[in-house]
């Protein structure tokens, strides 16, 4: 594996098409810090007027008088970007007025949706839609170094860093300080940090809330609130257990994942993850799930991601809508043992397509229709839009 990639070697072409989205309506754009929102806006929308709420003078003016926003807009016919809008939710009343009265198109960006969604903020009554920007995906990187991405993740400046571990440590510390402390989403910051570490260690595992809460010496209700904080601040997400199978009873527990592979490894205090290790297998599964999550979001497909496990321990790692059932294994030589979960689920007749995504060099289809495919080919087909869209 290369030791470093200069950030000047890449001009990442992001898969989120902001210009196309904004032709139809105003948008909220959310994404964790440093995933590239500002760079994407500068590259995609150079003509836009940017009103930055991190600018102290701008913030001070608008916090005293939100109606001053209209006076700041130099040309109502041009797109207006309000950066870090969650810092001043009261401004959204004025945004709504300007959209209605002057037909101004806004892009409202932020690294957290929590204050907006839980603070009774005006979400513009349907006048703006929501999009998200994620860490880099394979279609943006090009020739993915799998070992690099499972260790360093896809935050652009960290993926290209000469010292990714140092930068990961700084990033996590900054995130905690600016997102968790500054938003005052919990007063028990030390307990929340311990919770984050536990999340990283249990990443991708079924969560028994009572057991984990007991381990952390907090109540189950506090634990569930912490998980909600992860989702609201875009640091994590959950996969629900799919329970609609009839021949085999399914578990109802959720799995939780963090938003980035490198952040997960750092918080779990793991050393370098080598190909062939158990940690690599877990990270490989996480990687494929992150890719499909970003793909569905960028292509505006509102298909739920789930997983399935029967009480008899048959399992399929990823289900997408009622279309794709996907097993993910970091092996070059998949056997019938690896296909047991898919075949058990096939008996239900619910899903249209069954995939085994792995490290095999050759694509093949089993007699019962399971597609066994190399991860590179699978992701290339997905990002080319060759997946059948669910009706």
Protein backbone atom coordinates (compact mmCIF):
# COMPACT_ATOMS: atom_id res chain seq x y z
CA UNK A 1 0.00 0.00 0.00
CA UNK A 2 1.23 3.51 -0.82
CA UNK A 3 2.25 5.41 2.26
CA UNK A 4 0.72 8.66 1.13
CA UNK A 5 -1.42 10.28 -1.51
CA UNK A 6 -0.95 13.97 -2.11
CA UNK A 7 -4.23 15.83 -2.06
CA UNK A 8 -2.97 17.71 -5.13
CA UNK A 9 -3.02 14.44 -7.07
CA UNK A 10 -6.81 14.43 -7.02
CA UNK A 11 -9.67 16.64 -8.01
CA UNK A 12 -12.42 14.52 -6.58
CA UNK A 13 -15.54 14.74 -8.74
CA UNK A 14 -18.34 14.30 -6.27
CA UNK A 15 -21.42 12.28 -7.14
CA UNK A 16 -23.87 14.70 -5.55
CA UNK A 17 -25.10 16.97 -8.36
CA UNK A 18 -26.03 20.15 -6.54
CA UNK A 19 -26.79 22.15 -9.67
CA UNK A 20 -29.34 19.62 -10.88
CA UNK A 21 -31.03 19.52 -7.49
CA UNK A 22 -31.26 23.29 -7.16
CA UNK A 23 -32.87 23.71 -10.56
CA UNK A 24 -36.05 22.36 -8.97
CA UNK A 25 -36.14 23.72 -5.44
CA UNK A 26 -34.20 25.12 -2.48
CA UNK A 27 -32.30 22.50 -0.48
CA UNK A 28 -30.83 21.78 2.90
CA UNK A 29 -27.41 20.16 2.48
CA UNK A 30 -26.20 18.26 5.52
CA UNK A 31 -22.98 16.35 6.02
CA UNK A 32 -20.37 15.73 8.73
CA UNK A 33 -17.58 18.23 9.08
CA UNK A 34 -14.77 18.10 6.51
CA UNK A 35 -16.53 15.80 4.04
CA UNK A 36 -16.22 18.53 1.41
CA UNK A 37 -19.42 20.61 1.43
CA UNK A 38 -17.61 23.92 0.95
CA UNK A 39 -15.34 22.55 -1.79
CA UNK A 40 -18.31 21.03 -3.61
CA UNK A 41 -20.19 24.34 -3.50
CA UNK A 42 -17.17 26.29 -4.75
CA UNK A 43 -16.65 23.84 -7.63
CA UNK A 44 -20.29 23.36 -8.57
CA UNK A 45 -21.79 26.78 -7.86
CA UNK A 46 -19.09 29.44 -8.33
CA UNK A 47 -21.70 32.12 -9.04
CA UNK A 48 -23.52 31.64 -5.72
CA UNK A 49 -23.50 34.26 -3.00
CA UNK A 50 -22.31 32.69 0.25
CA UNK A 51 -23.50 33.97 3.61
CA UNK A 52 -21.27 32.33 6.20
CA UNK A 53 -22.62 32.15 9.74
CA UNK A 54 -19.13 31.28 10.99
CA UNK A 55 -18.23 34.88 10.11
CA UNK A 56 -18.63 36.68 13.42
CA UNK A 57 -19.71 39.98 11.88
CA UNK A 58 -22.32 38.30 9.70
CA UNK A 59 -23.60 36.20 12.57
CA UNK A 60 -23.78 39.19 14.94
CA UNK A 61 -25.81 41.18 12.40
CA UNK A 62 -28.29 38.40 11.71
CA UNK A 63 -28.71 37.23 15.28
CA UNK A 64 -29.85 40.74 16.21
CA UNK A 65 -31.96 41.26 13.10
CA UNK A 66 -32.78 38.22 10.92
CA UNK A 67 -34.66 40.46 8.48
CA UNK A 68 -31.28 41.94 7.50
CA UNK A 69 -30.76 38.80 5.41
CA UNK A 70 -32.71 40.32 2.52
CA UNK A 71 -30.48 43.40 2.56
CA UNK A 72 -27.37 41.20 2.36
CA UNK A 73 -28.52 39.47 -0.82
CA UNK A 74 -26.94 41.35 -3.70
CA UNK A 75 -28.86 39.71 -6.57
CA UNK A 76 -32.14 37.87 -5.88
CA UNK A 77 -31.88 36.08 -9.23
CA UNK A 78 -28.75 34.22 -8.10
CA UNK A 79 -28.45 31.26 -5.78
CA UNK A 80 -27.83 32.11 -2.12
CA UNK A 81 -25.88 29.74 0.13
CA UNK A 82 -26.25 30.06 3.90
CA UNK A 83 -23.45 28.10 5.52
CA UNK A 84 -23.86 26.47 8.96
CA UNK A 85 -27.54 27.39 9.12
CA UNK A 86 -28.06 25.32 12.29
CA UNK A 87 -26.21 28.05 14.20
CA UNK A 88 -29.16 30.39 13.70
CA UNK A 89 -32.41 28.45 13.21
CA UNK A 90 -34.43 31.67 13.66
CA UNK A 91 -33.14 32.77 10.26
CA UNK A 92 -35.33 30.19 8.53
CA UNK A 93 -38.47 32.31 8.97
CA UNK A 94 -36.82 35.01 6.88
CA UNK A 95 -35.58 32.43 4.35
CA UNK A 96 -39.14 31.19 3.92
CA UNK A 97 -40.38 34.74 3.37
CA UNK A 98 -37.73 35.42 0.74
CA UNK A 99 -38.47 32.18 -1.09
CA UNK A 100 -42.18 32.99 -1.15
CA UNK A 101 -41.95 36.70 -1.95
CA UNK A 102 -38.88 36.94 -4.18
CA UNK A 103 -38.53 33.33 -5.42
CA UNK A 104 -34.92 33.22 -4.24
CA UNK A 105 -33.30 29.78 -4.37
CA UNK A 106 -31.36 28.89 -1.23
CA UNK A 107 -28.85 26.19 -0.38
CA UNK A 108 -28.77 25.86 3.41
CA UNK A 109 -25.78 23.87 4.65
CA UNK A 110 -24.91 22.40 8.01
CA UNK A 111 -22.96 19.68 9.76
CA UNK A 112 -25.85 18.83 12.08
CA UNK A 113 -29.59 18.68 11.71
CA UNK A 114 -30.25 18.29 15.44
CA UNK A 115 -31.04 21.88 16.39
CA UNK A 116 -33.28 22.25 13.37
CA UNK A 117 -35.22 19.03 13.84
CA UNK A 118 -35.47 19.07 17.62
CA UNK A 119 -35.62 22.80 18.26
CA UNK A 120 -38.99 23.50 16.64
CA UNK A 121 -37.20 25.32 13.82
CA UNK A 122 -39.09 26.34 10.71
CA UNK A 123 -38.18 23.68 8.12
CA UNK A 124 -39.72 25.81 5.37
CA UNK A 125 -42.97 23.90 5.06
CA UNK A 126 -41.93 21.83 2.08
CA UNK A 127 -40.29 24.73 0.27
CA UNK A 128 -36.88 23.06 0.62
CA UNK A 129 -35.79 19.46 0.29
CA UNK A 130 -32.87 17.71 1.98
CA UNK A 131 -29.67 16.23 0.54
CA UNK A 132 -26.62 14.79 2.25
CA UNK A 133 -22.93 14.67 1.45
CA UNK A 134 -20.95 11.66 2.64
CA UNK A 135 -17.24 10.84 2.82
CA UNK A 136 -15.59 9.87 -0.46
CA UNK A 137 -16.98 6.85 -2.28
CA UNK A 138 -15.31 4.54 -4.77
CA UNK A 139 -16.79 6.29 -7.81
CA UNK A 140 -15.17 9.56 -6.66
CA UNK A 141 -11.79 8.10 -5.74
CA UNK A 142 -11.27 6.03 -8.87
CA UNK A 143 -8.88 3.15 -8.28
CA UNK A 144 -9.66 2.39 -4.66
CA UNK A 145 -6.90 1.07 -2.41
CA UNK A 146 -9.10 -1.13 -0.24
CA UNK A 147 -6.57 -1.46 2.57
CA UNK A 148 -6.13 2.32 2.66
CA UNK A 149 -9.83 3.09 2.83
CA UNK A 150 -10.66 0.53 5.55
CA UNK A 151 -7.89 2.06 7.67
CA UNK A 152 -8.14 5.74 6.86
CA UNK A 153 -11.76 6.17 5.76
CA UNK A 154 -13.12 8.58 3.19
CA UNK A 155 -12.91 12.03 4.77
CA UNK A 156 -11.01 13.76 1.92
CA UNK A 157 -8.17 15.40 3.86
CA UNK A 158 -7.59 12.22 5.88
CA UNK A 159 -7.75 9.83 2.91
CA UNK A 160 -5.01 11.86 1.20
CA UNK A 161 -2.98 12.58 4.34
CA UNK A 162 0.67 11.69 4.93
CA UNK A 163 -0.18 11.25 8.62
CA UNK A 164 -3.74 9.92 8.68
CA UNK A 165 -3.64 8.65 12.26
CA UNK A 166 -2.62 12.09 13.53
CA UNK A 167 -5.30 13.73 11.43
CA UNK A 168 -7.94 11.22 12.55
CA UNK A 169 -7.16 11.99 16.19
CA UNK A 170 -7.47 15.73 15.54
CA UNK A 171 -10.67 15.25 13.56
CA UNK A 172 -12.40 13.21 16.25
CA UNK A 173 -11.36 15.69 18.94
CA UNK A 174 -12.61 18.61 16.85
CA UNK A 175 -15.86 16.82 16.11
CA UNK A 176 -16.52 16.17 19.77
CA UNK A 177 -15.70 19.73 20.75
CA UNK A 178 -17.59 21.49 17.97
CA UNK A 179 -20.55 19.19 17.46
CA UNK A 180 -21.23 17.56 20.83
CA UNK A 181 -20.02 20.22 23.27
CA UNK A 182 -20.90 23.32 21.27
CA UNK A 183 -24.39 22.10 20.54
CA UNK A 184 -24.85 21.11 24.19
CA UNK A 185 -26.63 17.95 23.09
CA UNK A 186 -25.56 16.28 26.32
CA UNK A 187 -24.10 17.57 29.55
CA UNK A 188 -22.41 14.26 30.29
CA UNK A 189 -19.65 14.66 27.72
CA UNK A 190 -17.34 12.09 29.38
CA UNK A 191 -20.14 9.51 29.37
CA UNK A 192 -20.85 10.29 25.74
CA UNK A 193 -17.18 9.84 24.81
CA UNK A 194 -17.22 6.43 26.50
CA UNK A 195 -20.40 5.64 24.58
CA UNK A 196 -18.70 6.59 21.29
CA UNK A 197 -15.84 4.21 22.02
CA UNK A 198 -18.34 1.43 22.74
CA UNK A 199 -20.14 2.22 19.48
CA UNK A 200 -16.93 1.81 17.53
CA UNK A 201 -16.12 -1.50 19.21
CA UNK A 202 -19.66 -2.82 18.57
CA UNK A 203 -19.92 -1.28 15.10
CA UNK A 204 -22.07 -3.49 12.86
CA UNK A 205 -23.18 -5.79 15.67
CA UNK A 206 -26.71 -6.31 16.94
CA UNK A 207 -27.31 -4.05 19.92
CA UNK A 208 -28.87 -5.25 23.14
CA UNK A 209 -29.74 -1.87 24.62
CA UNK A 210 -30.23 -3.11 28.17
CA UNK A 211 -26.91 -4.94 28.21
CA UNK A 212 -24.92 -2.10 26.66
CA UNK A 213 -26.56 0.46 28.94
CA UNK A 214 -25.59 -1.65 31.94
CA UNK A 215 -21.98 -1.87 30.71
CA UNK A 216 -21.85 1.92 30.33
CA UNK A 217 -23.66 2.51 33.64
CA UNK A 218 -26.38 4.61 32.04
CA UNK A 219 -30.10 4.00 31.63
CA UNK A 220 -31.49 2.35 28.46
CA UNK A 221 -33.41 5.55 27.71
CA UNK A 222 -30.19 7.58 27.92
CA UNK A 223 -28.48 5.07 25.64
CA UNK A 224 -31.23 5.36 23.04
CA UNK A 225 -30.98 9.14 23.27
CA UNK A 226 -27.22 8.90 22.64
CA UNK A 227 -27.83 6.81 19.54
CA UNK A 228 -30.31 9.44 18.37
CA UNK A 229 -27.67 12.11 18.90
CA UNK A 230 -25.32 10.11 16.65
CA UNK A 231 -27.89 10.08 13.89
CA UNK A 232 -28.89 13.74 14.28
CA UNK A 233 -25.27 14.90 14.21
CA UNK A 234 -24.63 12.62 11.21
CA UNK A 235 -22.00 10.60 13.01
CA UNK A 236 -23.88 7.32 12.81
CA UNK A 237 -26.86 5.43 11.42
CA UNK A 238 -28.76 2.24 12.08
CA UNK A 239 -29.85 -0.78 10.09
CA UNK A 240 -33.12 -2.20 11.31
CA UNK A 241 -33.70 -5.90 11.46
CA UNK A 242 -35.97 -7.09 8.63
CA UNK A 243 -38.89 -8.93 10.22
CA UNK A 244 -41.24 -9.76 7.34
CA UNK A 245 -40.08 -13.34 6.82
CA UNK A 246 -42.75 -15.95 7.54
CA UNK A 247 -40.94 -19.29 7.29
CA UNK A 248 -38.23 -18.23 9.73
CA UNK A 249 -38.76 -15.87 12.65
CA UNK A 250 -36.40 -12.90 12.53
CA UNK A 251 -34.60 -10.88 15.18
CA UNK A 252 -35.82 -7.32 15.74
CA UNK A 253 -32.60 -5.82 17.10
CA UNK A 254 -30.92 -3.01 15.19
CA UNK A 255 -27.30 -2.73 14.12
CA UNK A 256 -25.53 0.61 14.42
CA UNK A 257 -22.71 1.88 12.21
CA UNK A 258 -20.51 4.95 12.34
CA UNK A 259 -20.35 7.14 9.25
CA UNK A 260 -16.70 6.57 8.34
CA UNK A 261 -14.27 3.64 8.40
CA UNK A 262 -11.27 5.62 9.62
CA UNK A 263 -13.19 7.28 12.44
CA UNK A 264 -14.51 3.86 13.48
CA UNK A 265 -11.02 2.34 13.60
CA UNK A 266 -9.63 5.31 15.56
CA UNK A 267 -12.41 5.28 18.15
CA UNK A 268 -12.11 1.50 18.54
CA UNK A 269 -8.36 2.00 19.18
CA UNK A 270 -7.47 -0.57 16.55
CA UNK A 271 -4.05 -0.80 15.01
CA UNK A 272 -3.51 -1.20 11.29
CA UNK A 273 -6.16 -3.46 9.74
CA UNK A 274 -4.53 -6.04 7.47
CA UNK A 275 -6.19 -7.98 4.67
CA UNK A 276 -7.27 -11.41 5.90
CA UNK A 277 -7.91 -10.42 9.51
CA UNK A 278 -11.31 -10.55 11.19
CA UNK A 279 -11.18 -6.78 11.56
CA UNK A 280 -10.72 -6.53 7.80
CA UNK A 281 -13.81 -8.66 7.21
CA UNK A 282 -15.87 -6.42 9.49
CA UNK A 283 -14.53 -3.25 7.85
CA UNK A 284 -15.15 -4.67 4.37
CA UNK A 285 -18.82 -5.23 5.22
CA UNK A 286 -19.02 -1.70 6.65
CA UNK A 287 -17.41 -0.33 3.46
CA UNK A 288 -19.99 -1.90 1.13
CA UNK A 289 -22.86 -0.69 3.33
CA UNK A 290 -21.48 2.87 3.31
CA UNK A 291 -21.19 2.78 -0.48
CA UNK A 292 -24.77 1.63 -1.02
CA UNK A 293 -26.05 4.16 1.51
CA UNK A 294 -24.36 7.02 -0.35
CA UNK A 295 -25.53 5.69 -3.73
CA UNK A 296 -29.18 5.56 -2.67
CA UNK A 297 -28.97 9.08 -1.23
CA UNK A 298 -27.21 10.63 -4.24
CA UNK A 299 -29.61 9.01 -6.71
CA UNK A 300 -32.62 10.09 -4.61
CA UNK A 301 -33.88 6.54 -4.12
CA UNK A 302 -35.84 6.25 -0.91
CA UNK A 303 -35.24 2.56 -0.37
CA UNK A 304 -34.74 1.38 3.19
CA UNK A 305 -31.57 -0.46 4.12
CA UNK A 306 -31.99 -3.36 6.55
CA UNK A 307 -30.33 -6.61 7.47
CA UNK A 308 -31.89 -10.00 8.24
CA UNK A 309 -31.08 -12.59 10.84
CA UNK A 310 -33.30 -15.47 11.79
CA UNK A 311 -33.48 -16.79 15.33
CA UNK A 312 -31.80 -19.92 13.93
CA UNK A 313 -28.82 -17.67 12.93
CA UNK A 314 -29.27 -17.47 9.18
CA UNK A 315 -28.17 -13.98 8.19
CA UNK A 316 -27.97 -11.63 5.20
CA UNK A 317 -25.88 -8.53 5.73
CA UNK A 318 -27.76 -5.96 3.65
CA UNK A 319 -31.26 -5.67 2.21
CA UNK A 320 -32.24 -2.78 -0.05
CA UNK A 321 -35.94 -2.14 -0.35
CA UNK A 322 -37.50 -5.30 -1.75
CA UNK A 323 -34.95 -5.36 -4.55
CA UNK A 324 -31.48 -6.53 -3.44
CA UNK A 325 -30.40 -9.04 -0.81
CA UNK A 326 -26.64 -8.82 -0.39
CA UNK A 327 -24.23 -10.99 1.57
CA UNK A 328 -20.78 -9.46 2.08
CA UNK A 329 -17.71 -11.62 2.73
CA UNK A 330 -14.01 -10.76 2.55
CA UNK A 331 -13.09 -14.05 0.88
CA UNK A 332 -11.70 -14.93 -2.54
CA UNK A 333 -13.28 -18.37 -2.49
CA UNK A 334 -16.96 -18.26 -1.43
CA UNK A 335 -18.48 -21.65 -0.69
CA UNK A 336 -21.99 -22.98 -0.11
CA UNK A 337 -21.49 -22.19 3.58
CA UNK A 338 -21.30 -18.49 2.72
CA UNK A 339 -24.55 -18.69 0.73
CA UNK A 340 -26.73 -20.31 3.41
CA UNK A 341 -28.27 -17.05 4.56
CA UNK A 342 -29.15 -15.93 1.05
CA UNK A 343 -30.68 -19.32 0.24
CA UNK A 344 -32.75 -19.29 3.41
CA UNK A 345 -34.04 -15.84 2.54
CA UNK A 346 -34.73 -16.88 -1.07
CA UNK A 347 -37.33 -19.31 0.25
CA UNK A 348 -39.44 -16.33 1.31
CA UNK A 349 -39.77 -15.06 -2.28
CA UNK A 350 -39.53 -11.40 -1.22
CA UNK A 351 -36.45 -10.03 -3.03
CA UNK A 352 -35.71 -9.77 -6.73
CA UNK A 353 -31.92 -10.03 -6.74
CA UNK A 354 -29.45 -11.97 -4.60
CA UNK A 355 -25.76 -11.06 -4.45
CA UNK A 356 -22.63 -12.33 -2.78
CA UNK A 357 -20.11 -9.46 -2.80
CA UNK A 358 -16.61 -10.66 -2.05
CA UNK A 359 -12.98 -10.71 -3.20
CA UNK A 360 -13.43 -13.34 -5.90
CA UNK A 361 -11.65 -12.51 -9.18
CA UNK A 362 -14.42 -13.99 -11.34
CA UNK A 363 -18.12 -13.21 -11.55
CA UNK A 364 -20.46 -16.18 -11.71
CA UNK A 365 -24.10 -17.02 -11.15
CA UNK A 366 -25.19 -20.09 -9.20
CA UNK A 367 -27.89 -22.40 -10.50
CA UNK A 368 -30.43 -20.86 -8.17
CA UNK A 369 -29.61 -17.33 -9.33
CA UNK A 370 -27.20 -15.92 -6.75
CA UNK A 371 -24.71 -13.52 -8.37
CA UNK A 372 -21.21 -13.96 -6.91
CA UNK A 373 -19.22 -10.87 -7.82
CA UNK A 374 -16.02 -9.03 -6.98
CA UNK A 375 -16.62 -5.89 -4.95
CA UNK A 376 -15.04 -3.62 -7.58
CA UNK A 377 -17.38 -4.89 -10.29
CA UNK A 378 -20.37 -4.72 -7.97
CA UNK A 379 -19.70 -1.09 -7.04
CA UNK A 380 -18.89 -0.12 -10.64
CA UNK A 381 -22.22 -1.53 -11.81
CA UNK A 382 -24.03 0.23 -8.99
CA UNK A 383 -22.49 3.64 -9.63
CA UNK A 384 -23.12 3.30 -13.39
CA UNK A 385 -26.80 3.01 -12.52
CA UNK A 386 -27.14 -0.55 -13.79
CA UNK A 387 -29.08 -1.66 -10.76
CA UNK A 388 -32.75 -2.13 -11.54
CA UNK A 389 -34.68 0.62 -9.78
CA UNK A 390 -37.53 -0.63 -7.67
CA UNK A 391 -40.97 0.29 -9.00
